[in-house]
Protein backbone atom coordinates (compact mmCIF):
# COMPACT_ATOMS: atom_id res chain seq x y z
CA MET A 1 6.65 7.53 -1.25
CA LEU A 2 6.09 4.14 0.35
CA LEU A 3 4.48 2.78 -2.81
CA LEU A 4 6.48 0.44 -5.01
CA ASN A 5 6.90 1.81 -8.55
CA PRO A 6 8.80 -0.74 -10.68
CA LYS A 7 9.60 1.81 -13.39
CA LYS A 8 11.00 4.45 -11.07
CA ASP A 9 12.36 2.72 -7.97
CA THR A 10 16.14 2.46 -7.92
CA LEU A 11 16.29 0.29 -4.77
CA ASP A 12 19.34 2.23 -3.60
CA HIS A 13 18.52 1.33 -0.01
CA LEU A 14 19.77 -2.23 -0.69
CA ASP A 15 23.27 -3.61 -1.20
CA ASN A 16 24.48 -3.70 -4.81
CA PHE A 17 23.88 -7.41 -5.40
CA SER A 18 20.35 -7.36 -3.98
CA LYS A 19 19.51 -4.18 -5.87
CA GLU A 20 20.76 -5.65 -9.16
CA ILE A 21 18.93 -8.97 -8.88
CA LEU A 22 15.64 -7.34 -7.84
CA LEU A 23 15.84 -4.89 -10.75
CA LYS A 24 16.46 -7.86 -13.03
CA THR A 25 13.35 -9.50 -11.57
CA ILE A 26 11.30 -6.40 -12.36
CA SER A 27 12.79 -6.35 -15.86
CA PHE A 28 11.80 -10.00 -16.40
CA PHE A 29 8.16 -9.21 -15.77
CA GLU A 30 8.11 -5.93 -17.68
CA LYS A 31 9.65 -7.66 -20.70
CA LYS A 32 7.13 -10.47 -20.41
CA GLY A 33 4.40 -7.83 -20.53
CA LEU A 34 0.87 -7.67 -19.18
CA GLN A 35 -0.73 -9.41 -22.16
CA LYS A 36 1.46 -12.51 -21.86
CA LEU A 37 1.17 -12.42 -18.06
CA LYS A 38 -2.61 -12.60 -18.34
CA GLU A 39 -2.60 -15.20 -21.14
CA ASP A 40 -0.46 -17.53 -19.05
CA ASP A 41 -2.75 -16.96 -16.07
CA HIS A 42 -5.92 -17.73 -18.04
CA GLU A 43 -4.44 -20.78 -19.76
CA ARG A 44 -2.93 -22.07 -16.50
CA VAL A 45 0.55 -22.30 -18.01
CA TRP A 46 3.21 -23.70 -15.66
CA TYR A 47 5.71 -20.84 -15.20
CA THR A 48 8.76 -22.49 -16.72
CA ASP A 49 10.08 -19.13 -17.97
CA PHE A 50 10.04 -17.69 -14.44
CA LEU A 51 11.71 -20.74 -12.95
CA GLU A 52 14.40 -20.58 -15.64
CA PHE A 53 15.01 -16.97 -14.65
CA VAL A 54 15.19 -18.02 -10.99
CA LYS A 55 17.81 -20.62 -11.91
CA GLU A 56 19.90 -18.41 -14.19
CA GLU A 57 20.06 -15.53 -11.74
CA GLY A 58 20.33 -17.67 -8.60
CA LEU A 59 17.37 -15.75 -7.18
CA PHE A 60 16.01 -18.31 -4.71
CA ALA A 61 19.50 -19.64 -4.00
CA SER A 62 20.68 -16.17 -2.92
CA PHE A 63 17.58 -15.19 -0.97
CA LEU A 64 16.68 -18.52 0.66
CA THR A 65 20.02 -20.12 1.54
CA PRO A 66 21.37 -19.27 5.00
CA GLN A 67 24.81 -17.68 4.87
CA LYS A 68 26.52 -20.78 6.27
CA TYR A 69 25.45 -22.92 3.32
CA GLY A 70 25.55 -20.45 0.42
CA GLY A 71 27.85 -18.15 -1.47
CA PRO A 72 28.94 -14.60 -0.57
CA ASN A 73 25.55 -13.07 -1.43
CA ALA A 74 23.45 -15.82 0.12
CA ARG A 75 21.55 -15.09 3.30
CA TRP A 76 18.05 -15.40 4.72
CA ASP A 77 17.31 -11.73 5.28
CA THR A 78 13.68 -10.93 6.13
CA TYR A 79 14.03 -7.27 5.13
CA ARG A 80 15.41 -8.21 1.70
CA ASN A 81 12.91 -11.04 1.29
CA ALA A 82 10.06 -8.61 1.93
CA GLN A 83 11.17 -6.57 -1.09
CA LEU A 84 11.00 -9.66 -3.32
CA ASN A 85 7.68 -10.70 -1.76
CA GLU A 86 6.21 -7.34 -2.73
CA ILE A 87 7.61 -7.40 -6.28
CA LEU A 88 6.33 -10.91 -6.96
CA GLY A 89 2.92 -10.03 -5.52
CA PHE A 90 2.88 -6.90 -7.70
CA TYR A 91 3.06 -9.05 -10.83
CA GLY A 92 0.75 -11.81 -9.69
CA LEU A 93 0.05 -14.30 -6.94
CA ASN A 94 1.10 -17.22 -9.15
CA TYR A 95 4.77 -16.22 -9.16
CA TRP A 96 4.72 -15.30 -5.50
CA TYR A 97 3.19 -18.68 -4.67
CA ALA A 98 6.11 -20.65 -6.15
CA TRP A 99 8.41 -18.63 -3.88
CA GLN A 100 6.15 -18.90 -0.82
CA VAL A 101 5.76 -22.68 -0.84
CA THR A 102 9.50 -23.04 -1.46
CA ILE A 103 10.03 -21.08 1.76
CA LEU A 104 7.66 -23.42 3.61
CA GLY A 105 9.38 -26.49 2.19
CA LEU A 106 12.78 -25.18 3.26
CA GLY A 107 11.71 -24.40 6.83
CA PRO A 108 11.91 -27.93 8.31
CA ILE A 109 15.19 -28.50 6.47
CA TRP A 110 17.03 -25.41 7.71
CA MET A 111 15.57 -26.01 11.22
CA SER A 112 16.87 -29.58 11.34
CA ASP A 113 20.20 -31.04 12.49
CA ASN A 114 20.56 -33.02 9.27
CA GLU A 115 23.69 -31.44 7.79
CA ALA A 116 23.79 -33.75 4.78
CA VAL A 117 20.29 -32.75 3.67
CA LYS A 118 21.11 -29.08 4.27
CA LYS A 119 24.14 -29.26 1.97
CA GLN A 120 22.11 -31.17 -0.60
CA THR A 121 19.38 -28.51 -0.36
CA ALA A 122 21.87 -25.68 -0.94
CA GLN A 123 22.98 -27.43 -4.14
CA PHE A 124 19.40 -27.99 -5.27
CA LEU A 125 18.75 -24.25 -4.82
CA LYS A 126 21.85 -23.42 -6.88
CA ASP A 127 20.48 -25.72 -9.58
CA GLY A 128 17.21 -23.77 -9.62
CA GLY A 129 15.21 -26.19 -7.50
CA ILE A 130 11.90 -25.35 -5.83
CA PHE A 131 10.57 -26.98 -2.66
CA ALA A 132 7.30 -28.14 -1.11
CA PHE A 133 5.80 -28.45 2.37
CA GLY A 134 3.88 -31.68 2.95
CA LEU A 135 1.84 -30.81 6.03
CA SER A 136 -1.86 -30.51 5.12
CA GLU A 137 -4.14 -33.48 4.45
CA LYS A 138 -7.46 -33.75 2.65
CA GLU A 139 -9.45 -35.03 5.63
CA HIS A 140 -7.67 -33.09 8.37
CA GLY A 141 -6.49 -29.88 6.71
CA ALA A 142 -3.77 -28.36 8.86
CA ASP A 143 -4.86 -30.35 11.94
CA ILE A 144 -1.46 -31.95 12.38
CA TYR A 145 -2.52 -33.75 15.56
CA THR A 146 -4.25 -36.37 13.42
CA THR A 147 -1.89 -36.93 10.50
CA ASP A 148 -2.50 -40.11 8.50
CA MET A 149 0.99 -40.17 6.98
CA VAL A 150 2.49 -43.19 8.74
CA LEU A 151 6.04 -44.58 8.78
CA THR A 152 6.31 -48.31 9.41
CA PRO A 153 9.63 -50.09 10.13
CA ASP A 154 10.85 -52.09 7.13
CA GLY A 155 12.88 -54.58 9.20
CA ASN A 156 16.19 -53.32 7.84
CA GLY A 157 16.67 -50.19 9.95
CA GLY A 158 14.56 -48.02 7.67
CA TYR A 159 10.87 -47.25 7.17
CA ARG A 160 8.10 -47.32 4.61
CA ALA A 161 5.92 -44.20 4.45
CA SER A 162 2.31 -44.42 3.30
CA GLY A 163 -0.36 -41.75 3.20
CA SER A 164 -1.61 -38.72 1.29
CA LYS A 165 -1.05 -34.99 1.49
CA TYR A 166 -3.28 -32.27 0.07
CA TYR A 167 -2.78 -28.61 -0.93
CA ILE A 168 0.93 -29.18 -1.53
CA GLY A 169 2.22 -26.28 -3.62
CA ASN A 170 5.10 -27.21 -5.97
CA GLY A 171 4.30 -30.86 -5.21
CA ASN A 172 4.67 -31.67 -8.91
CA GLU A 173 8.25 -30.52 -9.47
CA ALA A 174 9.86 -29.92 -6.08
CA ALA A 175 13.48 -30.94 -5.62
CA LEU A 176 12.49 -32.09 -2.13
CA VAL A 177 9.20 -32.27 -0.26
CA SER A 178 9.38 -31.84 3.53
CA VAL A 179 6.73 -34.33 4.71
CA PHE A 180 5.14 -34.43 8.16
CA GLY A 181 4.02 -37.80 9.52
CA ARG A 182 4.13 -40.09 12.54
CA MET A 183 5.79 -43.35 13.49
CA ALA A 184 3.45 -46.34 13.41
CA GLU A 185 4.76 -47.96 16.58
CA SER A 186 5.11 -44.91 18.84
CA ASP A 187 2.93 -42.21 17.22
CA GLU A 188 6.02 -39.99 17.46
CA TYR A 189 5.87 -37.09 14.99
CA VAL A 190 8.48 -36.96 12.25
CA PHE A 191 9.57 -34.75 9.35
CA PHE A 192 11.32 -36.45 6.43
CA THR A 193 12.16 -35.59 2.84
CA ALA A 194 10.65 -37.19 -0.26
CA ARG A 195 11.54 -36.91 -3.96
CA PRO A 196 8.70 -36.46 -6.52
CA GLU A 197 10.58 -38.47 -9.17
CA HIS A 198 10.56 -41.63 -7.01
CA GLU A 199 8.29 -44.41 -8.28
CA ASN A 200 6.54 -44.67 -4.88
CA TYR A 201 5.64 -40.95 -4.97
CA GLU A 202 2.44 -40.23 -6.89
CA CYS A 203 1.38 -36.72 -7.87
CA VAL A 204 -2.35 -37.43 -8.08
CA GLN A 205 -3.70 -34.10 -9.35
CA ASN A 206 -3.65 -30.32 -9.23
CA VAL A 207 -6.56 -29.61 -6.90
CA VAL A 208 -7.05 -25.99 -8.06
CA ASN A 209 -7.97 -24.34 -11.35
CA SER A 210 -4.86 -22.23 -11.48
CA GLN A 211 -1.46 -21.60 -13.00
CA ASN A 212 -0.08 -22.80 -9.67
CA TYR A 213 0.29 -26.49 -9.04
CA VAL A 214 -1.34 -27.21 -5.69
CA ALA A 215 -0.91 -30.95 -5.53
CA GLU A 216 -2.55 -33.93 -4.01
CA ILE A 217 0.31 -36.38 -3.47
CA LYS A 218 0.34 -39.98 -2.35
CA LEU A 219 3.17 -42.04 -0.91
CA THR A 220 2.83 -45.82 -1.07
CA ASP A 221 5.50 -47.77 0.81
CA TYR A 222 7.89 -44.92 0.10
CA PRO A 223 11.35 -45.91 1.44
CA VAL A 224 12.64 -43.60 4.17
CA THR A 225 16.10 -44.00 5.67
CA GLU A 226 17.58 -42.32 8.73
CA ALA A 227 19.42 -40.04 6.29
CA ASP A 228 16.04 -38.71 5.05
CA ILE A 229 14.71 -37.85 8.52
CA LEU A 230 14.87 -34.18 9.48
CA SER A 231 13.40 -34.22 13.00
CA ARG A 232 11.37 -36.32 15.42
CA GLY A 233 8.97 -35.87 18.29
CA ARG A 234 8.65 -32.41 19.78
CA ASP A 235 11.33 -31.10 17.41
CA ALA A 236 9.23 -32.15 14.40
CA TRP A 237 6.12 -30.56 15.89
CA ASP A 238 7.97 -27.30 16.59
CA ALA A 239 9.52 -27.31 13.13
CA GLY A 240 6.06 -27.42 11.56
CA LEU A 241 4.68 -24.54 13.61
CA ASN A 242 7.86 -22.45 13.44
CA THR A 243 7.96 -22.87 9.66
CA VAL A 244 4.45 -21.47 9.50
CA ASN A 245 5.62 -18.56 11.71
CA VAL A 246 8.12 -17.71 8.98
CA GLY A 247 5.81 -18.32 6.05
CA LYS A 248 2.75 -16.46 7.29
CA TYR A 249 4.72 -13.19 7.41
CA ASN A 250 5.03 -13.29 3.61
CA LEU A 251 1.28 -13.36 2.98
CA GLY A 252 0.77 -9.71 3.88
CA TRP A 253 3.46 -8.68 1.41
CA ALA A 254 1.73 -10.51 -1.44
CA SER A 255 -1.41 -8.48 -0.61
CA ILE A 256 0.59 -5.25 -0.54
CA GLY A 257 2.10 -5.97 -3.96
CA MET A 258 -1.22 -6.84 -5.59
CA CYS A 259 -3.04 -3.88 -4.07
CA THR A 260 -0.32 -1.47 -5.23
CA HIS A 261 -0.60 -2.61 -8.86
CA ALA A 262 -4.40 -2.49 -8.65
CA LEU A 263 -4.25 1.06 -7.25
CA TYR A 264 -2.22 2.30 -10.22
CA GLU A 265 -4.70 0.75 -12.64
CA ALA A 266 -7.67 2.23 -10.80
CA VAL A 267 -6.24 5.76 -10.73
CA ASN A 268 -5.26 5.59 -14.41
CA HIS A 269 -8.72 4.39 -15.43
CA ALA A 270 -10.82 6.67 -13.23
CA SER A 271 -8.87 9.82 -14.13
CA LYS A 272 -9.68 9.31 -17.82
CA ARG A 273 -13.25 8.06 -17.49
CA VAL A 274 -15.90 10.75 -18.10
CA LEU A 275 -19.46 10.25 -16.83
CA PHE A 276 -22.18 12.91 -16.86
CA LYS A 277 -19.63 15.46 -18.09
CA HIS A 278 -17.32 14.85 -15.13
CA THR A 279 -14.28 12.65 -14.71
CA VAL A 280 -14.92 9.81 -12.28
CA THR A 281 -12.29 11.22 -9.93
CA GLU A 282 -14.46 14.33 -9.34
CA PHE A 283 -17.29 12.45 -7.62
CA THR A 284 -17.43 12.80 -3.84
CA HIS A 285 -17.90 9.10 -3.09
CA ILE A 286 -15.03 8.19 -5.44
CA LYS A 287 -12.73 10.57 -3.58
CA GLN A 288 -13.62 8.85 -0.31
CA PHE A 289 -13.07 5.39 -1.80
CA PHE A 290 -9.66 6.39 -3.13
CA VAL A 291 -8.45 7.99 0.10
CA ASP A 292 -9.66 5.02 2.13
CA ALA A 293 -8.00 2.52 -0.24
CA TYR A 294 -4.75 4.48 -0.28
CA THR A 295 -4.52 5.01 3.49
CA ARG A 296 -5.38 1.38 4.18
CA LEU A 297 -2.61 0.30 1.80
CA MET A 298 -0.11 2.65 3.43
CA ALA A 299 -1.07 1.30 6.85
CA MET A 300 -0.58 -2.27 5.60
CA LYS A 301 2.93 -1.48 4.46
CA LEU A 302 3.91 0.52 7.54
CA PHE A 303 2.78 -2.33 9.79
CA ALA A 304 4.41 -5.12 7.76
CA LEU A 305 7.72 -3.26 7.60
CA ARG A 306 7.70 -2.65 11.33
CA ALA A 307 6.86 -6.28 12.07
CA SER A 308 10.04 -7.22 10.19
CA ASP A 309 12.10 -5.21 12.70
CA TYR A 310 10.76 -7.29 15.59
CA PHE A 311 11.14 -10.56 13.70
CA ARG A 312 14.77 -9.83 12.86
CA SER A 313 15.50 -8.76 16.46
CA ALA A 314 13.79 -11.74 18.07
CA SER A 315 15.35 -14.11 20.59
CA LEU A 316 14.15 -16.69 23.09
CA GLN A 317 13.75 -13.77 25.51
CA ASP A 318 11.90 -11.55 23.02
CA ARG A 319 9.14 -13.34 21.11
CA ARG A 320 6.89 -10.38 20.38
CA TYR A 321 6.95 -11.41 16.73
CA LEU A 322 4.53 -14.23 17.59
CA LEU A 323 1.83 -11.56 17.85
CA TYR A 324 2.97 -9.36 14.98
CA ASN A 325 3.55 -12.10 12.39
CA PRO A 326 0.02 -13.57 12.64
CA MET A 327 -1.25 -10.01 12.27
CA VAL A 328 0.69 -9.53 9.03
CA LYS A 329 -0.97 -12.74 7.89
CA MET A 330 -4.46 -11.95 9.22
CA LYS A 331 -4.87 -8.18 9.45
CA VAL A 332 -2.79 -7.06 6.47
CA THR A 333 -4.32 -9.65 4.12
CA SER A 334 -7.90 -8.88 5.20
CA GLN A 335 -7.15 -5.18 4.74
CA GLY A 336 -5.96 -6.11 1.24
CA GLU A 337 -9.44 -7.41 0.53
CA GLU A 338 -10.85 -4.09 1.75
CA VAL A 339 -8.54 -2.16 -0.59
CA ILE A 340 -9.52 -4.24 -3.61
CA ASN A 341 -13.23 -3.90 -2.75
CA LEU A 342 -12.92 -0.10 -2.57
CA LEU A 343 -11.02 0.08 -5.86
CA TRP A 344 -13.50 -2.28 -7.52
CA ASP A 345 -16.35 0.04 -6.54
CA ILE A 346 -14.43 2.77 -8.36
CA ILE A 347 -13.62 0.96 -11.62
CA ALA A 348 -16.76 -1.20 -11.56
CA ALA A 349 -17.13 -3.38 -14.70
CA LYS A 350 -13.57 -2.58 -15.78
CA GLY A 351 -12.41 -4.85 -12.97
CA PHE A 352 -13.77 -7.90 -14.80
CA GLU A 353 -11.92 -7.28 -18.06
CA LYS A 354 -9.51 -10.07 -18.99
CA ASP A 355 -6.63 -7.78 -19.97
CA MET A 356 -6.57 -5.92 -16.64
CA PHE A 357 -4.21 -6.97 -13.86
CA PHE A 358 -7.11 -6.08 -11.56
CA GLU A 359 -9.14 -9.07 -12.77
CA SER A 360 -6.63 -11.56 -11.36
CA ALA A 361 -5.96 -9.45 -8.25
CA ALA A 362 -9.67 -9.36 -7.39
CA ARG A 363 -9.75 -13.14 -7.59
CA ASP A 364 -6.48 -13.91 -5.82
CA ILE A 365 -6.66 -11.36 -3.00
CA ARG A 366 -9.33 -13.60 -1.43
CA ALA A 367 -6.88 -16.48 -1.05
CA LEU A 368 -4.38 -14.83 1.25
CA PRO A 369 -6.46 -14.53 4.45
CA LYS A 370 -7.23 -18.23 4.06
CA LEU A 371 -3.65 -19.55 3.74
CA GLU A 372 -1.36 -20.61 6.63
CA GLY A 373 -4.40 -20.85 8.90
CA THR A 374 -7.68 -18.99 8.48
CA VAL A 375 -8.37 -15.57 10.01
CA HIS A 376 -10.24 -17.42 12.78
CA VAL A 377 -7.30 -19.70 13.58
CA ASN A 378 -4.89 -16.78 13.74
CA MET A 379 -7.32 -14.74 15.83
CA ALA A 380 -7.52 -17.58 18.34
CA LEU A 381 -3.73 -17.36 18.59
CA ILE A 382 -3.67 -13.57 18.89
CA ILE A 383 -6.24 -13.42 21.71
CA LYS A 384 -3.81 -15.36 23.93
CA PHE A 385 -1.57 -12.28 24.04
CA MET A 386 -4.25 -9.75 25.01
CA ALA A 387 -3.93 -9.86 28.81
CA ASN A 388 -0.17 -9.36 28.90
CA TYR A 389 -0.29 -6.75 26.15
CA PHE A 390 -2.77 -4.54 28.01
CA PHE A 391 -2.03 -5.23 31.66
CA LYS A 392 1.46 -6.70 32.16
CA PRO A 393 3.95 -4.87 29.92
CA GLY A 394 7.60 -5.82 29.96
CA GLU A 395 10.73 -3.75 29.44
CA PHE A 396 12.71 -4.08 26.21
CA PRO A 397 15.43 -2.02 24.54
CA GLU A 398 14.10 0.21 21.80
CA ILE A 399 14.29 -1.33 18.34
CA GLY A 400 14.90 0.84 15.28
CA THR A 401 14.69 -0.06 11.61
CA VAL A 402 16.51 -3.37 11.13
CA ASN A 403 17.71 -3.31 7.52
CA GLU A 404 21.26 -4.60 7.95
CA THR A 405 22.62 -7.11 5.45
CA LYS A 406 22.70 -9.95 7.96
CA ASN A 407 21.45 -13.53 8.09
CA ASP A 408 18.40 -14.01 10.32
CA ASP A 409 19.72 -17.02 12.23
CA PHE A 410 16.97 -17.02 14.86
CA LEU A 411 14.30 -17.89 12.29
CA PHE A 412 15.66 -21.43 12.26
CA ALA A 413 16.28 -21.63 16.01
CA GLN A 414 12.95 -20.34 17.36
CA GLY A 415 12.81 -22.95 20.08
CA PRO A 416 9.70 -24.46 21.69
CA THR A 417 6.26 -23.34 20.54
CA ARG A 418 4.85 -23.50 24.07
CA GLY A 419 4.26 -20.70 26.55
CA LEU A 420 2.52 -18.13 24.36
CA GLY A 421 0.55 -16.76 27.30
CA LYS A 422 3.80 -15.81 29.05
CA ILE A 423 5.13 -13.60 26.24
CA LYS A 424 5.48 -9.95 27.28
CA PHE A 425 5.24 -6.79 25.16
CA HIS A 426 6.51 -3.26 25.58
CA ASP A 427 4.04 -0.69 26.91
CA TYR A 428 1.84 0.40 24.00
CA LYS A 429 0.91 3.62 25.84
CA ILE A 430 4.43 4.99 25.35
CA THR A 431 3.96 4.86 21.59
CA TYR A 432 0.45 6.32 21.59
CA ASN A 433 1.47 9.14 23.96
CA SER A 434 4.43 10.07 21.75
CA ILE A 435 2.26 11.69 19.10
CA ASN A 436 -0.51 14.27 19.38
CA LEU A 437 -2.94 14.23 16.48
CA PRO A 438 -6.74 14.72 16.60
CA ASN A 439 -7.73 11.25 15.45
CA ILE A 440 -5.14 9.49 17.58
CA THR A 441 -6.59 11.31 20.60
CA ILE A 442 -10.02 9.86 19.80
CA PHE A 443 -8.56 6.42 19.15
CA LYS A 444 -6.84 6.46 22.56
CA LYS A 445 -10.24 7.03 24.19
CA GLN A 446 -11.57 3.99 22.35
CA ILE A 447 -8.62 1.94 23.63
CA ARG A 448 -9.32 3.00 27.23
CA LEU A 449 -12.93 1.88 26.84
CA LEU A 450 -11.81 -1.48 25.49
CA LYS A 451 -9.61 -1.96 28.55
CA LEU A 452 -12.57 -0.99 30.75
CA LEU A 453 -14.64 -3.65 29.02
CA LEU A 454 -11.97 -6.27 29.70
CA VAL A 455 -11.81 -5.35 33.39
CA ALA A 456 -15.39 -4.43 34.33
CA ALA A 457 -17.38 -6.47 31.80
CA LYS A 458 -15.09 -9.27 30.68
CA PRO A 459 -16.56 -12.16 28.69
CA ASN A 460 -18.47 -14.69 30.76
CA LYS A 461 -18.23 -18.48 30.47
CA VAL A 462 -20.80 -18.64 27.68
CA GLN A 463 -19.19 -15.85 25.67
CA ILE A 464 -15.73 -17.41 25.98
CA LYS A 465 -17.11 -20.44 24.12
CA ASP A 466 -18.74 -18.23 21.47
CA PHE A 467 -15.98 -17.75 18.91
CA ASP A 468 -17.90 -15.08 17.01
CA PHE A 469 -18.02 -13.01 20.19
CA LEU A 470 -14.29 -13.48 20.72
CA LEU A 471 -13.59 -12.73 17.05
CA ASN A 472 -15.11 -9.25 17.34
CA LEU A 473 -13.30 -8.67 20.62
CA GLY A 474 -10.08 -9.80 18.96
CA GLU A 475 -10.64 -7.40 16.06
CA LEU A 476 -10.75 -4.52 18.54
CA PHE A 477 -7.52 -5.74 20.13
CA THR A 478 -5.71 -6.13 16.82
CA LEU A 479 -6.62 -2.56 15.85
CA VAL A 480 -4.75 -1.34 18.94
CA VAL A 481 -1.63 -3.34 18.03
CA TYR A 482 -1.97 -2.33 14.38
CA GLY A 483 -2.06 1.34 15.28
CA GLN A 484 0.88 1.03 17.65
CA LEU A 485 3.29 -0.35 15.06
CA ILE A 486 2.04 2.08 12.42
CA ILE A 487 2.88 5.01 14.71
CA GLU A 488 6.28 3.54 15.57
CA ASN A 489 7.20 3.14 11.92
CA ALA A 490 5.79 6.51 10.90
CA LYS A 491 8.24 8.14 13.30
CA LEU A 492 11.16 6.03 12.04
CA LEU A 493 10.36 6.78 8.39
CA ASN A 494 9.37 10.44 8.91
CA ILE A 495 5.87 9.95 7.52
CA ASP A 496 3.92 13.21 7.45
CA ASN A 497 1.20 13.82 10.02
CA ASP A 498 -1.49 14.27 7.35
CA LEU A 499 -1.18 10.65 6.31
CA ILE A 500 -1.03 9.33 9.88
CA ASP A 501 -4.10 11.28 10.99
CA GLN A 502 -5.98 10.16 7.88
CA ILE A 503 -5.03 6.53 8.61
CA PHE A 504 -6.55 6.87 12.07
CA ASP A 505 -9.69 8.25 10.45
CA PHE A 506 -10.49 4.77 9.10
CA MET A 507 -9.10 3.14 12.26
CA ILE A 508 -11.69 4.97 14.39
CA ARG A 509 -14.45 3.93 11.99
CA ASP A 510 -13.30 0.30 12.04
CA PHE A 511 -13.12 0.32 15.84
CA SER A 512 -16.67 1.69 15.95
CA LYS A 513 -17.86 -1.02 13.53
CA TYR A 514 -16.52 -3.87 15.65
CA ALA A 515 -17.82 -2.25 18.82
CA MET A 516 -21.26 -2.16 17.21
CA LEU A 517 -20.99 -5.83 16.24
CA LEU A 518 -20.01 -6.74 19.80
CA TYR A 519 -22.90 -4.63 21.12
CA SER A 520 -25.30 -6.48 18.80
CA LYS A 521 -24.36 -9.97 19.92
CA THR A 522 -27.33 -11.75 21.50
CA SER A 523 -25.21 -12.68 24.52
CA SER A 524 -23.84 -9.18 25.23
CA THR A 525 -24.68 -7.95 28.73
CA ALA A 526 -26.16 -4.56 29.62
CA LEU A 527 -22.78 -3.28 30.88
CA GLN A 528 -20.99 -4.56 27.79
CA GLN A 529 -23.56 -2.82 25.60
CA LYS A 530 -23.13 0.43 27.50
CA ILE A 531 -19.33 0.41 27.07
CA CYS A 532 -19.57 -0.61 23.40
CA ARG A 533 -21.92 2.32 22.70
CA GLN A 534 -19.33 4.66 24.20
CA MET A 535 -16.68 3.18 21.88
CA ILE A 536 -18.59 4.32 18.80
CA ARG A 537 -16.94 7.57 17.77
CA LYS A 538 -16.67 9.78 14.70
CA PRO A 539 -13.27 10.83 13.35
CA VAL A 540 -12.31 14.49 13.25
CA VAL A 541 -13.47 16.04 9.98
CA ASP A 542 -10.61 17.90 8.31
CA THR A 543 -11.51 18.67 4.71
CA LYS A 544 -8.21 20.36 3.97
CA ARG A 545 -6.19 17.37 5.20
CA PHE A 546 -8.38 15.03 3.14
CA GLU A 547 -7.92 17.10 -0.02
CA ARG A 548 -4.17 17.30 0.47
CA ILE A 549 -3.92 13.52 0.71
CA LEU A 550 -6.20 13.09 -2.29
CA LYS A 551 -4.38 15.53 -4.59
CA THR A 552 -0.74 15.22 -3.57
CA GLN A 553 -0.59 11.49 -2.80
CA VAL A 554 -3.46 9.68 -4.56
CA TYR A 555 -4.38 11.56 -7.73
CA ALA A 556 -0.69 12.39 -8.20
CA LEU A 557 -0.32 8.70 -9.16
CA GLU A 558 -2.11 9.28 -12.47
CA ASP A 559 0.08 7.85 -15.29
CA ASP A 560 2.87 7.26 -12.76
CA TYR A 561 3.00 3.57 -13.59
CA GLU A 562 1.51 1.28 -16.23
CA MET A 563 2.83 -2.19 -16.94
CA ASN A 564 4.30 -2.78 -20.40
CA LYS A 565 1.67 -4.35 -22.60
């Protein structure tokens, strides 16, 4: 089973230290119990108990300190971090968020050449410190071209920083805040560190109604010395974007964790709910909802796991992760919304009840597609890779499952953020031709039609400026990439063909939906419409396969997990 089950999983696939600390993390939440978890959520209680646990166990210190600066069990290991991402998401976005914004805050530090700050940071982590990422601003959002955080020379070899930052998670209690700004005299970009306890640092407010603290902060003549500066110029710019490359990968895992917990609750409720003398699980539409929710969740996890392999294997010569990571952020999180919607249609009013985990999941699942750049921003990035992906494949050595206990050094040496249009990918056709299943055969026909559209009826000058047109085209492209990595990982993990063919059942339907949306655009040409109509296909109906998935994989989850009250 790919599904996380906190009460059954032994985590034997990890080294002993990682296994032990993750099981302790699960135990922390199970001892806390669902009732207290929800009370703290509703009352917006700052999670002091969790942060005390983080400190006592050295959780963040072990998982977020590169090997060079930490103890024997310290390393930044994307495979291991994904496990913690999923566990924290399983118990609630609030706890995951404290971890996520710490990761973002650490990015510019570990990417810098400032050894003194790095050593100081390692000690802060050992002391249980959390971190913050001061990039966004109220008026500009994540538009870092126009930052209003300005450093002015103080006449003594240092600077005074003035300006505000907005949406700064952990901005209330961070050990250090990595702040992005610019030099007043040269407009040169700069990253520097600030301390919340300093009198010139003002935590103005928590801008959200949440247990998280998402701060508005203000610096007024905050003293900055050369010792506080992490990077300047192009290095500072690259550090900001490369930090987001690291952080956005985590968002999909938070969705996976939340959806998994919600699935258990939905199965447990529906299997015991009797309507019109039938259990809810007997109704035909409920069966379809459950199978769709389950297969979408399995696809999310297969893709996110496979993306980790490419991220951990990356180099300056192999930057394929710059397509896959935004897809974990964009595609996996938006699929998480789909999963929650399907499950909500099953449990209906139960999903609003205050003592259900589902109630908070239904609220918080909406946040993830909107963090670290909206779906639209990430789609604009992804479209840049489409030409090389389809028409100019490169040659790369085959990459297997990368689960070694190693430090992912390249994450903090990603290099320049330029040249995305030159990045090559391995030939997707090799993967699709390696498996012969009915629905994959249909999906391959849809792919060929998409390529025909790009060659014979490519977007004109007007359509290129119409982002809604490009968004639907991009959705079709991402489905191809999504399916490719799912197939690759299914082979590596020996996933049964029933599940893979059922996954491509919804993939065909999704492809048809976006083809129809593209067809319906007012600007679509006659040839584009003709090709889009041909893309609309129906999956192969296999009732026996559907029932096997339903009974042996979905309904078999009944009473398999329930959080301690």
